PDB file of N, CA and C in Angstrom:
ATOM      1  N   MET A   1       1.232 -25.786   1.931  1.00  0.00           N
ATOM      2  CA  MET A   1       1.424 -24.740   2.758  1.00  0.00           C
ATOM      3  C   MET A   1       2.777 -24.151   2.676  1.00  0.00           C
ATOM      4  N   THR A   2       2.982 -22.726   2.906  1.00  0.00           N
ATOM      5  CA  THR A   2       4.064 -22.028   2.481  1.00  0.00           C
ATOM      6  C   THR A   2       4.717 -21.863   3.782  1.00  0.00           C
ATOM      7  N   ASP A   3       6.013 -21.946   3.998  1.00  0.00           N
ATOM      8  CA  ASP A   3       6.585 -21.454   5.331  1.00  0.00           C
ATOM      9  C   ASP A   3       7.080 -19.933   5.474  1.00  0.00           C
ATOM     10  N   SER A   4       6.751 -19.403   4.493  1.00  0.00           N
ATOM     11  CA  SER A   4       6.884 -17.841   4.475  1.00  0.00           C
ATOM     12  C   SER A   4       6.105 -16.986   5.483  1.00  0.00           C
ATOM     13  N   THR A   5       6.402 -15.689   6.047  1.00  0.00           N
ATOM     14  CA  THR A   5       5.278 -15.131   6.729  1.00  0.00           C
ATOM     15  C   THR A   5       4.133 -14.253   5.984  1.00  0.00           C
ATOM     16  N   ARG A   6       3.364 -13.659   6.410  1.00  0.00           N
ATOM     17  CA  ARG A   6       2.310 -13.047   5.548  1.00  0.00           C
ATOM     18  C   ARG A   6       2.998 -11.535   5.150  1.00  0.00           C
ATOM     19  N   ARG A   7       3.823 -11.458   5.955  1.00  0.00           N
ATOM     20  CA  ARG A   7       4.813 -10.089   5.579  1.00  0.00           C
ATOM     21  C   ARG A   7       5.519 -10.140   4.251  1.00  0.00           C
ATOM     22  N   GLU A   8       6.404 -11.429   4.489  1.00  0.00           N
ATOM     23  CA  GLU A   8       7.199 -11.965   3.389  1.00  0.00           C
ATOM     24  C   GLU A   8       6.597 -12.017   2.061  1.00  0.00           C
ATOM     25  N   ARG A   9       4.945 -12.954   2.311  1.00  0.00           N
ATOM     26  CA  ARG A   9       4.445 -12.938   1.219  1.00  0.00           C
ATOM     27  C   ARG A   9       3.922 -11.654   0.628  1.00  0.00           C
ATOM     28  N   LEU A  10       3.603 -10.881   1.161  1.00  0.00           N
ATOM     29  CA  LEU A  10       3.071  -9.129   0.914  1.00  0.00           C
ATOM     30  C   LEU A  10       4.483  -8.713   0.346  1.00  0.00           C
ATOM     31  N   THR A  11       5.629  -8.707   0.655  1.00  0.00           N
ATOM     32  CA  THR A  11       6.856  -8.488   0.046  1.00  0.00           C
ATOM     33  C   THR A  11       7.285  -8.791  -1.263  1.00  0.00           C
ATOM     34  N   ASN A  12       7.061 -10.095  -1.343  1.00  0.00           N
ATOM     35  CA  ASN A  12       7.389 -10.725  -2.586  1.00  0.00           C
ATOM     36  C   ASN A  12       6.268 -10.178  -3.915  1.00  0.00           C
ATOM     37  N   ARG A  13       4.905 -10.073  -3.089  1.00  0.00           N
ATOM     38  CA  ARG A  13       3.987  -9.866  -4.040  1.00  0.00           C
ATOM     39  C   ARG A  13       4.289  -8.624  -4.927  1.00  0.00           C
ATOM     40  N   LEU A  14       4.633  -7.597  -3.912  1.00  0.00           N
ATOM     41  CA  LEU A  14       5.093  -6.243  -4.192  1.00  0.00           C
ATOM     42  C   LEU A  14       6.173  -6.115  -5.008  1.00  0.00           C
ATOM     43  N   HIS A  15       7.292  -7.087  -5.000  1.00  0.00           N
ATOM     44  CA  HIS A  15       8.070  -7.155  -5.974  1.00  0.00           C
ATOM     45  C   HIS A  15       7.842  -7.580  -7.239  1.00  0.00           C
ATOM     46  N   GLU A  16       7.127  -8.410  -7.165  1.00  0.00           N
ATOM     47  CA  GLU A  16       6.511  -8.710  -8.540  1.00  0.00           C
ATOM     48  C   GLU A  16       5.499  -7.740  -9.472  1.00  0.00           C
ATOM     49  N   GLU A  17       4.362  -7.102  -8.595  1.00  0.00           N
ATOM     50  CA  GLU A  17       3.708  -6.378  -9.404  1.00  0.00           C
ATOM     51  C   GLU A  17       3.168  -5.448  -8.223  1.00  0.00           C
ATOM     52  N   GLN A  18       2.440  -4.381  -8.879  1.00  0.00           N
ATOM     53  CA  GLN A  18       1.968  -3.351  -8.065  1.00  0.00           C
ATOM     54  C   GLN A  18       0.605  -3.948  -7.712  1.00  0.00           C
ATOM     55  N   ALA A  19       0.123  -3.524  -6.359  1.00  0.00           N
ATOM     56  CA  ALA A  19      -1.019  -3.834  -5.864  1.00  0.00           C
ATOM     57  C   ALA A  19      -1.502  -2.715  -5.040  1.00  0.00           C
ATOM     58  N   THR A  20      -3.008  -2.692  -4.721  1.00  0.00           N
ATOM     59  CA  THR A  20      -3.861  -1.802  -3.747  1.00  0.00           C
ATOM     60  C   THR A  20      -3.820  -2.718  -2.469  1.00  0.00           C
ATOM     61  N   ALA A  21      -4.273  -2.332  -1.473  1.00  0.00           N
ATOM     62  CA  ALA A  21      -4.285  -3.001  -0.237  1.00  0.00           C
ATOM     63  C   ALA A  21      -5.419  -3.966  -0.284  1.00  0.00           C
ATOM     64  N   SER A  22      -6.505  -3.686  -0.905  1.00  0.00           N
ATOM     65  CA  SER A  22      -7.756  -4.670  -1.205  1.00  0.00           C
ATOM     66  C   SER A  22      -7.310  -5.758  -1.745  1.00  0.00           C
ATOM     67  N   GLU A  23      -6.390  -5.560  -3.047  1.00  0.00           N
ATOM     68  CA  GLU A  23      -5.907  -6.809  -3.666  1.00  0.00           C
ATOM     69  C   GLU A  23      -5.102  -7.529  -2.975  1.00  0.00           C
ATOM     70  N   LEU A  24      -4.065  -6.985  -1.921  1.00  0.00           N
ATOM     71  CA  LEU A  24      -3.063  -7.629  -1.176  1.00  0.00           C
ATOM     72  C   LEU A  24      -4.072  -8.788  -0.168  1.00  0.00           C
ATOM     73  N   ALA A  25      -5.173  -7.986   0.569  1.00  0.00           N
ATOM     74  CA  ALA A  25      -5.704  -8.696   1.317  1.00  0.00           C
ATOM     75  C   ALA A  25      -6.703 -10.030   0.695  1.00  0.00           C
ATOM     76  N   ALA A  26      -7.232  -9.670  -0.524  1.00  0.00           N
ATOM     77  CA  ALA A  26      -7.875 -11.007  -1.044  1.00  0.00           C
ATOM     78  C   ALA A  26      -6.639 -11.796  -1.321  1.00  0.00           C
ATOM     79  N   ASP A  27      -5.432 -11.591  -1.897  1.00  0.00           N
ATOM     80  CA  ASP A  27      -4.502 -12.631  -2.266  1.00  0.00           C
ATOM     81  C   ASP A  27      -3.782 -13.114  -0.978  1.00  0.00           C
ATOM     82  N   LEU A  28      -3.935 -12.544   0.387  1.00  0.00           N
ATOM     83  CA  LEU A  28      -3.130 -12.850   1.279  1.00  0.00           C
ATOM     84  C   LEU A  28      -4.434 -13.737   2.266  1.00  0.00           C
ATOM     85  N   GLU A  29      -5.645 -13.373   2.071  1.00  0.00           N
ATOM     86  CA  GLU A  29      -6.541 -13.838   2.632  1.00  0.00           C
ATOM     87  C   GLU A  29      -6.594 -13.369   3.990  1.00  0.00           C
ATOM     88  N   THR A  30      -6.360 -12.184   4.098  1.00  0.00           N
ATOM     89  CA  THR A  30      -6.618 -11.190   5.298  1.00  0.00           C
ATOM     90  C   THR A  30      -7.186 -10.234   5.465  1.00  0.00           C
ATOM     91  N   ALA A  31      -7.601  -9.544   6.416  1.00  0.00           N
ATOM     92  CA  ALA A  31      -8.191  -8.190   6.496  1.00  0.00           C
ATOM     93  C   ALA A  31      -7.376  -6.731   5.980  1.00  0.00           C
ATOM     94  N   VAL A  32      -8.187  -5.989   5.287  1.00  0.00           N
ATOM     95  CA  VAL A  32      -7.536  -4.733   4.547  1.00  0.00           C
ATOM     96  C   VAL A  32      -6.854  -4.000   5.842  1.00  0.00           C
ATOM     97  N   SER A  33      -7.089  -3.925   6.796  1.00  0.00           N
ATOM     98  CA  SER A  33      -6.725  -3.430   8.118  1.00  0.00           C
ATOM     99  C   SER A  33      -5.344  -3.679   8.396  1.00  0.00           C
ATOM    100  N   THR A  34      -5.385  -5.299   8.376  1.00  0.00           N
ATOM    101  CA  THR A  34      -4.086  -5.990   8.533  1.00  0.00           C
ATOM    102  C   THR A  34      -2.846  -5.938   7.611  1.00  0.00           C
ATOM    103  N   VAL A  35      -3.394  -5.724   6.347  1.00  0.00           N
ATOM    104  CA  VAL A  35      -2.642  -5.304   5.129  1.00  0.00           C
ATOM    105  C   VAL A  35      -1.937  -3.858   5.480  1.00  0.00           C
ATOM    106  N   TYR A  36      -2.618  -2.814   5.838  1.00  0.00           N
ATOM    107  CA  TYR A  36      -2.351  -1.596   6.009  1.00  0.00           C
ATOM    108  C   TYR A  36      -1.373  -1.572   7.161  1.00  0.00           C
ATOM    109  N   SER A  37      -1.354  -2.432   8.040  1.00  0.00           N
ATOM    110  CA  SER A  37      -0.724  -2.369   9.342  1.00  0.00           C
ATOM    111  C   SER A  37       0.887  -3.153   8.739  1.00  0.00           C
ATOM    112  N   ASP A  38       0.581  -3.932   7.956  1.00  0.00           N
ATOM    113  CA  ASP A  38       1.794  -4.757   7.229  1.00  0.00           C
ATOM    114  C   ASP A  38       2.739  -4.061   6.585  1.00  0.00           C
ATOM    115  N   LEU A  39       1.864  -3.231   5.864  1.00  0.00           N
ATOM    116  CA  LEU A  39       2.632  -2.146   4.621  1.00  0.00           C
ATOM    117  C   LEU A  39       3.486  -1.273   5.329  1.00  0.00           C
ATOM    118  N   GLN A  40       2.715  -0.511   6.422  1.00  0.00           N
ATOM    119  CA  GLN A  40       3.571   0.309   7.234  1.00  0.00           C
ATOM    120  C   GLN A  40       4.666  -0.310   7.918  1.00  0.00           C
ATOM    121  N   HIS A  41       4.939  -1.505   8.219  1.00  0.00           N
ATOM    122  CA  HIS A  41       6.066  -2.224   8.927  1.00  0.00           C
ATOM    123  C   HIS A  41       6.979  -2.317   7.365  1.00  0.00           C
ATOM    124  N   VAL A  42       6.407  -3.053   6.501  1.00  0.00           N
ATOM    125  CA  VAL A  42       7.588  -3.284   5.458  1.00  0.00           C
ATOM    126  C   VAL A  42       8.070  -2.174   4.995  1.00  0.00           C
ATOM    127  N   ALA A  43       7.270  -0.750   4.791  1.00  0.00           N
ATOM    128  CA  ALA A  43       8.044   0.307   4.465  1.00  0.00           C
ATOM    129  C   ALA A  43       8.971   0.988   5.352  1.00  0.00           C
ATOM    130  N   ARG A  44       9.036   0.584   6.554  1.00  0.00           N
ATOM    131  CA  ARG A  44      10.055   1.076   7.545  1.00  0.00           C
ATOM    132  C   ARG A  44      11.223   0.038   7.638  1.00  0.00           C
ATOM    133  N   SER A  45      10.835  -1.267   7.181  1.00  0.00           N
ATOM    134  CA  SER A  45      11.987  -2.065   7.309  1.00  0.00           C
ATOM    135  C   SER A  45      12.947  -1.837   5.761  1.00  0.00           C
ATOM    136  N   ILE A  46      12.012  -1.596   4.619  1.00  0.00           N
ATOM    137  CA  ILE A  46      12.576  -1.084   3.428  1.00  0.00           C
ATOM    138  C   ILE A  46      13.826   0.202   3.500  1.00  0.00           C
ATOM    139  N   ARG A  47      13.159   0.726   4.102  1.00  0.00           N
ATOM    140  CA  ARG A  47      13.722   2.227   4.390  1.00  0.00           C
ATOM    141  C   ARG A  47      15.251   2.113   4.830  1.00  0.00           C
ATOM    142  N   TYR A  48      15.621   1.097   5.183  1.00  0.00           N
ATOM    143  CA  TYR A  48      17.086   0.900   5.632  1.00  0.00           C
ATOM    144  C   TYR A  48      17.984   0.082   4.330  1.00  0.00           C
ATOM    145  N   ASP A  49      17.000  -0.435   3.486  1.00  0.00           N
ATOM    146  CA  ASP A  49      17.948  -0.998   2.490  1.00  0.00           C
ATOM    147  C   ASP A  49      18.215  -0.355   1.187  1.00  0.00           C
ATOM    148  N   ALA A  50      19.464   0.217   0.912  1.00  0.00           N
ATOM    149  CA  ALA A  50      19.850   1.063   0.136  1.00  0.00           C
ATOM    150  C   ALA A  50      19.303   0.462  -1.383  1.00  0.00           C
ATOM    151  N   ASP A  51      19.249  -1.040  -1.748  1.00  0.00           N
ATOM    152  CA  ASP A  51      18.869  -1.276  -2.670  1.00  0.00           C
ATOM    153  C   ASP A  51      17.564  -1.633  -3.008  1.00  0.00           C
ATOM    154  N   THR A  52      16.530  -1.374  -2.268  1.00  0.00           N
ATOM    155  CA  THR A  52      15.199  -1.329  -2.448  1.00  0.00           C
ATOM    156  C   THR A  52      14.424  -0.104  -2.219  1.00  0.00           C
ATOM    157  N   GLU A  53      13.377   0.084  -2.867  1.00  0.00           N
ATOM    158  CA  GLU A  53      12.652   1.387  -2.654  1.00  0.00           C
ATOM    159  C   GLU A  53      11.146   0.590  -2.739  1.00  0.00           C
ATOM    160  N   PHE A  54      10.614   1.337  -1.585  1.00  0.00           N
ATOM    161  CA  PHE A  54       8.893   1.539  -1.600  1.00  0.00           C
ATOM    162  C   PHE A  54       8.206   2.268  -1.896  1.00  0.00           C
ATOM    163  N   LEU A  55       7.480   2.156  -2.950  1.00  0.00           N
ATOM    164  CA  LEU A  55       6.784   3.379  -3.973  1.00  0.00           C
ATOM    165  C   LEU A  55       5.393   3.116  -3.504  1.00  0.00           C
ATOM    166  N   VAL A  56       4.623   4.343  -3.530  1.00  0.00           N
ATOM    167  CA  VAL A  56       3.169   4.628  -3.294  1.00  0.00           C
ATOM    168  C   VAL A  56       2.808   5.731  -4.136  1.00  0.00           C
ATOM    169  N   ALA A  57       1.917   4.970  -5.042  1.00  0.00           N
ATOM    170  CA  ALA A  57       0.876   6.018  -5.821  1.00  0.00           C
ATOM    171  C   ALA A  57      -0.219   6.463  -4.796  1.00  0.00           C
ATOM    172  N   PRO A  58      -0.150   7.592  -4.437  1.00  0.00           N
ATOM    173  CA  PRO A  58      -1.067   7.993  -3.150  1.00  0.00           C
ATOM    174  C   PRO A  58      -2.517   7.897  -3.554  1.00  0.00           C
ATOM    175  N   PRO A  59      -3.392   7.581  -2.550  1.00  0.00           N
ATOM    176  CA  PRO A  59      -4.999   7.654  -2.869  1.00  0.00           C
ATOM    177  C   PRO A  59      -5.361   8.951  -3.696  1.00  0.00           C
ATOM    178  N   GLU A  60      -6.888   8.942  -4.348  1.00  0.00           N
ATOM    179  CA  GLU A  60      -6.927   9.976  -5.048  1.00  0.00           C
ATOM    180  C   GLU A  60      -8.549   9.996  -5.134  1.00  0.00           C
ATOM    181  N   CYS A  61      -9.042  11.272  -4.740  1.00  0.00           N
ATOM    182  CA  CYS A  61     -10.471  11.567  -4.835  1.00  0.00           C
ATOM    183  C   CYS A  61     -10.702  11.461  -6.304  1.00  0.00           C
ATOM    184  N   SER A  62     -12.210  10.645  -6.486  1.00  0.00           N
ATOM    185  CA  SER A  62     -12.569  10.423  -7.850  1.00  0.00           C
ATOM    186  C   SER A  62     -13.283  11.809  -8.183  1.00  0.00           C
ATOM    187  N   ASN A  63     -13.669  12.825  -7.239  1.00  0.00           N
ATOM    188  CA  ASN A  63     -14.522  13.633  -7.737  1.00  0.00           C
ATOM    189  C   ASN A  63     -13.757  14.941  -8.077  1.00  0.00           C
ATOM    190  N   CYS A  64     -12.793  15.309  -7.195  1.00  0.00           N
ATOM    191  CA  CYS A  64     -11.947  16.346  -7.343  1.00  0.00           C
ATOM    192  C   CYS A  64     -10.346  16.270  -7.785  1.00  0.00           C
ATOM    193  N   GLY A  65     -10.028  15.145  -7.577  1.00  0.00           N
ATOM    194  CA  GLY A  65      -8.599  14.564  -7.948  1.00  0.00           C
ATOM    195  C   GLY A  65      -7.804  14.964  -6.841  1.00  0.00           C
ATOM    196  N   PHE A  66      -8.005  15.375  -5.705  1.00  0.00           N
ATOM    197  CA  PHE A  66      -6.985  15.731  -4.699  1.00  0.00           C
ATOM    198  C   PHE A  66      -6.266  14.303  -4.357  1.00  0.00           C
ATOM    199  N   SER A  67      -4.903  14.493  -4.234  1.00  0.00           N
ATOM    200  CA  SER A  67      -3.966  13.362  -3.760  1.00  0.00           C
ATOM    201  C   SER A  67      -2.752  13.701  -2.724  1.00  0.00           C
ATOM    202  N   GLY A  68      -3.143  14.797  -2.174  1.00  0.00           N
ATOM    203  CA  GLY A  68      -2.077  15.573  -1.160  1.00  0.00           C
ATOM    204  C   GLY A  68      -2.424  14.879   0.088  1.00  0.00           C
ATOM    205  N   TYR A  69      -2.585  13.691   0.195  1.00  0.00           N
ATOM    206  CA  TYR A  69      -2.725  13.101   1.578  1.00  0.00           C
ATOM    207  C   TYR A  69      -1.809  12.832   2.515  1.00  0.00           C
ATOM    208  N   ASP A  70      -1.639  13.267   3.775  1.00  0.00           N
ATOM    209  CA  ASP A  70      -0.590  13.184   4.568  1.00  0.00           C
ATOM    210  C   ASP A  70       0.123  11.739   4.608  1.00  0.00           C
ATOM    211  N   ASP A  71      -0.825  10.710   4.709  1.00  0.00           N
ATOM    212  CA  ASP A  71      -0.198   9.486   5.055  1.00  0.00           C
ATOM    213  C   ASP A  71      -0.892   8.690   3.982  1.00  0.00           C
ATOM    214  N   PRO A  72      -0.153   8.483   3.046  1.00  0.00           N
ATOM    215  CA  PRO A  72      -0.634   7.368   1.941  1.00  0.00           C
ATOM    216  C   PRO A  72      -0.744   6.095   2.157  1.00  0.00           C
ATOM    217  N   ILE A  73      -0.047   5.523   3.156  1.00  0.00           N
ATOM    218  CA  ILE A  73       0.054   4.215   3.769  1.00  0.00           C
ATOM    219  C   ILE A  73      -1.230   4.057   4.777  1.00  0.00           C
ATOM    220  N   ASN A  74      -2.235   4.668   4.535  1.00  0.00           N
ATOM    221  CA  ASN A  74      -3.756   4.799   5.074  1.00  0.00           C
ATOM    222  C   ASN A  74      -4.738   5.171   4.635  1.00  0.00           C
ATOM    223  N   ARG A  75      -5.787   4.399   4.476  1.00  0.00           N
ATOM    224  CA  ARG A  75      -6.908   4.552   3.599  1.00  0.00           C
ATOM    225  C   ARG A  75      -7.831   5.781   4.337  1.00  0.00           C
ATOM    226  N   PRO A  76      -7.892   6.857   3.510  1.00  0.00           N
ATOM    227  CA  PRO A  76      -8.715   8.050   3.943  1.00  0.00           C
ATOM    228  C   PRO A  76     -10.374   7.701   4.041  1.00  0.00           C
ATOM    229  N   SER A  77     -11.095   8.270   4.754  1.00  0.00           N
ATOM    230  CA  SER A  77     -12.409   8.016   4.643  1.00  0.00           C
ATOM    231  C   SER A  77     -12.975   9.072   3.773  1.00  0.00           C
ATOM    232  N   ARG A  78     -12.437  10.023   3.878  1.00  0.00           N
ATOM    233  CA  ARG A  78     -13.120  11.252   2.939  1.00  0.00           C
ATOM    234  C   ARG A  78     -12.142  12.193   2.303  1.00  0.00           C
ATOM    235  N   CYS A  79     -12.535  12.821   1.096  1.00  0.00           N
ATOM    236  CA  CYS A  79     -11.634  13.776   0.760  1.00  0.00           C
ATOM    237  C   CYS A  79     -11.628  15.375   1.527  1.00  0.00           C
ATOM    238  N   PRO A  80     -10.489  15.746   2.062  1.00  0.00           N
ATOM    239  CA  PRO A  80     -10.390  17.128   2.778  1.00  0.00           C
ATOM    240  C   PRO A  80     -11.043  18.244   1.858  1.00  0.00           C
ATOM    241  N   GLU A  81     -10.630  17.996   0.519  1.00  0.00           N
ATOM    242  CA  GLU A  81     -11.272  19.329  -0.422  1.00  0.00           C
ATOM    243  C   GLU A  81     -12.563  19.258  -0.422  1.00  0.00           C
ATOM    244  N   CYS A  82     -13.120  18.281  -1.139  1.00  0.00           N
ATOM    245  CA  CYS A  82     -14.440  18.235  -1.383  1.00  0.00           C
ATOM    246  C   CYS A  82     -15.744  17.444  -0.631  1.00  0.00           C
ATOM    247  N   ARG A  83     -14.953  16.934   0.418  1.00  0.00           N
ATOM    248  CA  ARG A  83     -15.679  16.063   1.329  1.00  0.00           C
ATOM    249  C   ARG A  83     -15.984  14.686   0.701  1.00  0.00           C
ATOM    250  N   SER A  84     -16.107  14.367  -0.182  1.00  0.00           N
ATOM    251  CA  SER A  84     -16.258  13.090  -1.074  1.00  0.00           C
ATOM    252  C   SER A  84     -15.856  11.557  -0.583  1.00  0.00           C
ATOM    253  N   GLU A  85     -16.530  10.692  -0.234  1.00  0.00           N
ATOM    254  CA  GLU A  85     -16.075   9.453  -0.050  1.00  0.00           C
ATOM    255  C   GLU A  85     -15.593   8.420  -0.807  1.00  0.00           C
ATOM    256  N   ASN A  86     -15.662   9.205  -2.207  1.00  0.00           N
ATOM    257  CA  ASN A  86     -15.253   8.216  -3.182  1.00  0.00           C
ATOM    258  C   ASN A  86     -13.757   8.435  -3.620  1.00  0.00           C
ATOM    259  N   ILE A  87     -13.189   7.523  -2.706  1.00  0.00           N
ATOM    260  CA  ILE A  87     -11.492   7.957  -2.784  1.00  0.00           C
ATOM    261  C   ILE A  87     -11.129   6.658  -3.504  1.00  0.00           C
ATOM    262  N   GLU A  88      -9.997   6.733  -4.418  1.00  0.00           N
ATOM    263  CA  GLU A  88      -9.457   5.244  -5.112  1.00  0.00           C
ATOM    264  C   GLU A  88      -8.201   5.071  -4.100  1.00  0.00           C
ATOM    265  N   GLU A  89      -8.218   3.719  -4.198  1.00  0.00           N
ATOM    266  CA  GLU A  89      -7.162   3.295  -3.005  1.00  0.00           C
ATOM    267  C   GLU A  89      -5.594   3.765  -3.536  1.00  0.00           C
ATOM    268  N   ALA A  90      -4.656   3.657  -2.769  1.00  0.00           N
ATOM    269  CA  ALA A  90      -3.254   4.043  -3.135  1.00  0.00           C
ATOM    270  C   ALA A  90      -2.740   2.640  -3.767  1.00  0.00           C
ATOM    271  N   VAL A  91      -1.947   2.751  -4.476  1.00  0.00           N
ATOM    272  CA  VAL A  91      -1.242   1.582  -5.085  1.00  0.00           C
ATOM    273  C   VAL A  91       0.366   1.412  -4.608  1.00  0.00           C
ATOM    274  N   PHE A  92       0.578   0.152  -4.332  1.00  0.00           N
ATOM    275  CA  PHE A  92       2.096  -0.061  -3.423  1.00  0.00           C
ATOM    276  C   PHE A  92       2.819  -0.916  -4.624  1.00  0.00           C
ATOM    277  N   LYS A  93       4.287  -0.445  -4.415  1.00  0.00           N
ATOM    278  CA  LYS A  93       5.190  -1.481  -5.388  1.00  0.00           C
ATOM    279  C   LYS A  93       6.418  -1.361  -4.672  1.00  0.00           C
ATOM    280  N   ILE A  94       7.100  -2.329  -4.775  1.00  0.00           N
ATOM    281  CA  ILE A  94       8.694  -2.444  -4.099  1.00  0.00           C
ATOM    282  C   ILE A  94       9.404  -2.574  -5.334  1.00  0.00           C
ATOM    283  N   GLU A  95      10.417  -1.963  -5.721  1.00  0.00           N
ATOM    284  CA  GLU A  95      11.451  -2.169  -6.841  1.00  0.00           C
ATOM    285  C   GLU A  95      13.040  -2.154  -6.114  1.00  0.00           C
ATOM    286  N   SER A  96      13.415  -3.091  -6.676  1.00  0.00           N
ATOM    287  CA  SER A  96      14.906  -3.204  -6.490  1.00  0.00           C
ATOM    288  C   SER A  96      15.840  -2.131  -7.465  1.00  0.00           C
ATOM    289  N   GLN A  97      16.902  -1.537  -6.948  1.00  0.00           N
ATOM    290  CA  GLN A  97      17.529  -0.688  -7.355  1.00  0.00           C
ATOM    291  C   GLN A  97      18.822  -1.276  -8.082  1.00  0.00           C
ATOM    292  N   ARG A  98      19.201  -2.509  -7.894  1.00  0.00           N
ATOM    293  CA  ARG A  98      20.371  -3.033  -8.316  1.00  0.00           C
ATOM    294  C   ARG A  98      19.992  -3.441  -9.895  1.00  0.00           C
TER     295      ARG A  98
END
């Protein structure tokens, strides 16, 4: 068993490679909603670290390609353009600038 917190494990995982919230939830054995909450916290924390950048490839509608969502660290239920519920998940990554 590890002594690191769930958010520390999430941060370490995103330093290693990019992942969606569903992939992170499976890796961390927690709910996707919890991962989104943790991602928002991690993004706020990293904002104050000049050597690290929190990157997000926003969710995208599989039908029309819309990707201009207001909050990419949140899973949209449907596309505002075509109303499709077929939305690909956002992809997250943490990069060191050193």
